[in-house]
Amino acid sequence: MKLQDELPMDHRLATVYRIGAGLGGVFLLVFGILGMTSHPGFLSTHGDKIAGMTTNGALSVLSVVVGLVLIAGAVIGGIFASNLNMVVGSLFVLAGFYGLVVLGTPGGNILNFRMSNVLFSFVFGFAVLTFGMYGRVSSHLPHDNPYWQKRRAREQGLPSGPPAMVKIFKPGPPNPIGH
């Protein structure tokens, strides 16, 4: 069973996934284009500030590419947008950790990260990750949710019958008396 087949095209979860991918993609696209117009060096460690964050050519190109990928995910929608949001969100959180590691090293800081970039990576990553996980990861999902239905289908009931037969189907140490 594929969840893509189970999630109706007009399901409200698909709208949430599309909005998350679309908003994130538009912001990254605008940031990348503005960064490219400021003409920084491709791997420059000092450049202009765009929206409070430093940028260079490499970060601008990377922002445009990821922005276009997120916008494509918003156009496709559905489970693809959800999975894409989770992957991109995870990569942004990892990029935040990368930025923390190379913050004081000019040779390793090829994306010209400063603390504002690191904070943006964490916040943006967790926001997009949350959009991707919305309606998928919770203990209180409604019963019409396809993710709840899939989890329910995987649950197997305990075997019933006389204790000797249950022991055959579920071997293991005997339960202590009173438990």
Protein backbone atom coordinates (compact mmCIF):
# COMPACT_ATOMS: atom_id res chain seq x y z
CA MET A 1 0.00 0.00 0.00
CA LYS A 2 1.41 3.36 -1.00
CA LEU A 3 0.41 6.40 0.99
CA GLN A 4 0.36 8.44 -2.22
CA ASP A 5 -2.60 6.34 -3.34
CA GLU A 6 -4.34 6.67 0.03
CA LEU A 7 -4.10 10.46 0.40
CA PRO A 8 -6.81 12.19 -1.64
CA MET A 9 -5.63 15.04 -3.84
CA ASP A 10 -7.81 17.53 -1.96
CA HIS A 11 -6.83 16.36 1.54
CA ARG A 12 -6.07 19.24 3.92
CA LEU A 13 -2.64 17.81 4.71
CA ALA A 14 -1.55 18.29 1.10
CA THR A 15 -2.34 22.00 1.44
CA VAL A 16 -0.13 22.31 4.52
CA TYR A 17 2.75 20.57 2.75
CA ARG A 18 2.38 22.83 -0.28
CA ILE A 19 2.25 26.01 1.79
CA GLY A 20 5.37 25.04 3.73
CA ALA A 21 7.34 24.19 0.62
CA GLY A 22 6.08 27.20 -1.32
CA LEU A 23 6.76 29.83 1.34
CA GLY A 24 10.19 28.43 2.10
CA GLY A 25 11.06 28.17 -1.58
CA VAL A 26 9.97 31.73 -2.38
CA PHE A 27 12.00 33.13 0.51
CA LEU A 28 15.13 31.23 -0.50
CA LEU A 29 14.67 32.18 -4.15
CA VAL A 30 14.38 35.89 -3.31
CA PHE A 31 17.34 35.70 -0.91
CA GLY A 32 19.48 33.95 -3.53
CA ILE A 33 18.58 36.37 -6.33
CA LEU A 34 19.26 39.40 -4.12
CA GLY A 35 22.55 37.81 -3.10
CA MET A 36 23.56 37.31 -6.73
CA THR A 37 22.76 40.91 -7.64
CA SER A 38 25.15 42.21 -4.97
CA HIS A 39 28.05 40.65 -6.98
CA PRO A 40 29.97 38.96 -4.16
CA GLY A 41 32.84 36.63 -4.94
CA PHE A 42 31.82 33.01 -5.33
CA LEU A 43 33.67 31.79 -2.22
CA SER A 44 34.20 35.19 -0.62
CA THR A 45 34.24 35.28 3.17
CA HIS A 46 33.08 38.88 3.27
CA GLY A 47 30.09 40.09 1.38
CA ASP A 48 26.93 42.10 1.56
CA LYS A 49 24.13 41.52 4.01
CA ILE A 50 20.77 40.46 2.64
CA ALA A 51 17.86 40.29 5.10
CA GLY A 52 20.32 40.50 7.98
CA MET A 53 22.44 37.58 6.79
CA THR A 54 25.76 37.53 4.98
CA THR A 55 26.00 35.90 1.61
CA ASN A 56 28.41 35.08 -1.17
CA GLY A 57 28.07 33.61 -4.64
CA ALA A 58 28.05 29.99 -3.48
CA LEU A 59 25.38 30.60 -0.85
CA SER A 60 23.30 32.58 -3.34
CA VAL A 61 23.41 29.85 -5.98
CA LEU A 62 22.65 27.19 -3.36
CA SER A 63 19.70 29.25 -2.08
CA VAL A 64 18.27 29.63 -5.59
CA VAL A 65 18.60 25.90 -6.32
CA VAL A 66 17.02 24.82 -3.02
CA GLY A 67 14.31 27.47 -3.43
CA LEU A 68 13.43 26.15 -6.88
CA VAL A 69 13.37 22.58 -5.56
CA LEU A 70 10.98 23.60 -2.76
CA ILE A 71 8.75 25.47 -5.20
CA ALA A 72 8.68 22.37 -7.43
CA GLY A 73 7.69 20.34 -4.36
CA ALA A 74 4.87 22.80 -3.69
CA VAL A 75 3.65 22.41 -7.27
CA ILE A 76 3.75 18.59 -7.07
CA GLY A 77 2.27 18.55 -3.55
CA GLY A 78 1.08 15.53 -1.61
CA ILE A 79 3.42 13.06 0.00
CA PHE A 80 6.27 14.24 -2.21
CA ALA A 81 6.06 17.75 -0.73
CA SER A 82 5.92 16.31 2.78
CA ASN A 83 8.99 14.14 2.25
CA LEU A 84 10.83 16.97 0.52
CA ASN A 85 10.06 19.35 3.40
CA MET A 86 11.43 16.84 5.89
CA VAL A 87 14.61 16.29 3.89
CA VAL A 88 15.25 19.99 3.25
CA GLY A 89 14.45 20.86 6.87
CA SER A 90 16.91 18.24 8.09
CA LEU A 91 19.58 19.54 5.72
CA PHE A 92 19.08 23.09 7.00
CA VAL A 93 19.47 21.94 10.60
CA LEU A 94 22.68 20.17 9.58
CA ALA A 95 23.79 23.35 7.78
CA GLY A 96 23.25 25.22 11.05
CA PHE A 97 25.60 22.81 12.79
CA TYR A 98 28.07 23.20 9.91
CA GLY A 99 27.91 26.96 10.38
CA LEU A 100 28.63 26.63 14.09
CA VAL A 101 31.68 24.49 13.42
CA VAL A 102 33.23 26.80 10.80
CA LEU A 103 32.10 30.10 12.29
CA GLY A 104 35.56 31.35 13.23
CA THR A 105 37.58 29.73 10.45
CA PRO A 106 37.88 31.81 7.27
CA GLY A 107 39.32 28.88 5.28
CA GLY A 108 36.47 26.48 6.07
CA ASN A 109 33.65 28.99 5.98
CA ILE A 110 33.02 28.73 2.24
CA LEU A 111 29.36 29.79 2.57
CA ASN A 112 30.25 32.98 4.50
CA PHE A 113 28.16 32.01 7.54
CA ARG A 114 27.81 34.34 10.48
CA MET A 115 25.74 33.81 13.61
CA SER A 116 22.65 35.25 11.92
CA ASN A 117 22.99 32.64 9.15
CA VAL A 118 23.35 29.87 11.72
CA LEU A 119 20.25 30.99 13.60
CA PHE A 120 18.32 31.28 10.33
CA SER A 121 19.39 27.76 9.33
CA PHE A 122 18.11 26.31 12.59
CA VAL A 123 14.83 28.25 12.61
CA PHE A 124 14.12 27.73 8.91
CA GLY A 125 15.12 24.06 9.10
CA PHE A 126 12.83 23.34 12.03
CA ALA A 127 9.97 25.31 10.44
CA VAL A 128 10.18 23.42 7.13
CA LEU A 129 10.68 20.15 9.00
CA THR A 130 7.53 20.87 11.01
CA PHE A 131 5.57 21.60 7.85
CA GLY A 132 6.73 18.25 6.45
CA MET A 133 5.85 16.29 9.58
CA TYR A 134 2.49 17.95 10.13
CA GLY A 135 -0.20 15.31 10.31
CA ARG A 136 2.31 12.46 10.16
CA VAL A 137 3.96 12.40 13.55
CA SER A 138 1.57 12.53 16.48
CA SER A 139 -0.10 10.21 18.90
CA HIS A 140 -3.49 11.88 18.40
CA LEU A 141 -4.07 11.63 14.67
CA PRO A 142 -7.70 11.56 13.50
CA HIS A 143 -8.99 8.21 12.30
CA ASP A 144 -9.44 9.44 8.71
CA ASN A 145 -5.74 10.30 8.53
CA PRO A 146 -3.94 7.97 6.09
CA TYR A 147 -0.87 7.80 8.35
CA TRP A 148 -3.02 6.68 11.28
CA GLN A 149 -4.68 4.07 9.07
CA LYS A 150 -1.31 2.74 7.93
CA ARG A 151 -0.06 2.47 11.51
CA ARG A 152 -3.28 0.75 12.54
CA ALA A 153 -2.89 -1.78 9.71
CA ARG A 154 0.61 -2.65 10.93
CA GLU A 155 -0.55 -3.35 14.49
CA GLN A 156 -1.09 -7.03 15.03
CA GLY A 157 -3.45 -8.29 17.67
CA LEU A 158 -2.19 -10.60 20.37
CA PRO A 159 -3.00 -14.26 19.79
CA SER A 160 -5.98 -15.60 21.67
CA GLY A 161 -6.84 -19.08 22.83
CA PRO A 162 -5.78 -21.42 25.57
CA PRO A 163 -2.54 -20.43 27.34
CA ALA A 164 -0.67 -23.38 25.81
CA MET A 165 -1.53 -22.22 22.28
CA VAL A 166 -0.62 -18.63 23.08
CA LYS A 167 2.77 -19.87 24.27
CA ILE A 168 3.34 -21.52 20.90
CA PHE A 169 2.55 -18.31 19.02
CA LYS A 170 4.35 -15.99 21.43
CA PRO A 171 7.24 -17.84 23.06
CA GLY A 172 9.19 -16.28 25.87
CA PRO A 173 9.73 -16.47 29.60
CA PRO A 174 6.62 -17.00 31.71
CA ASN A 175 5.04 -13.93 33.25
CA PRO A 176 5.51 -13.61 37.01
CA ILE A 177 2.48 -14.39 39.12
CA GLY A 178 0.27 -11.36 39.59
CA HIS A 179 1.36 -9.50 36.47
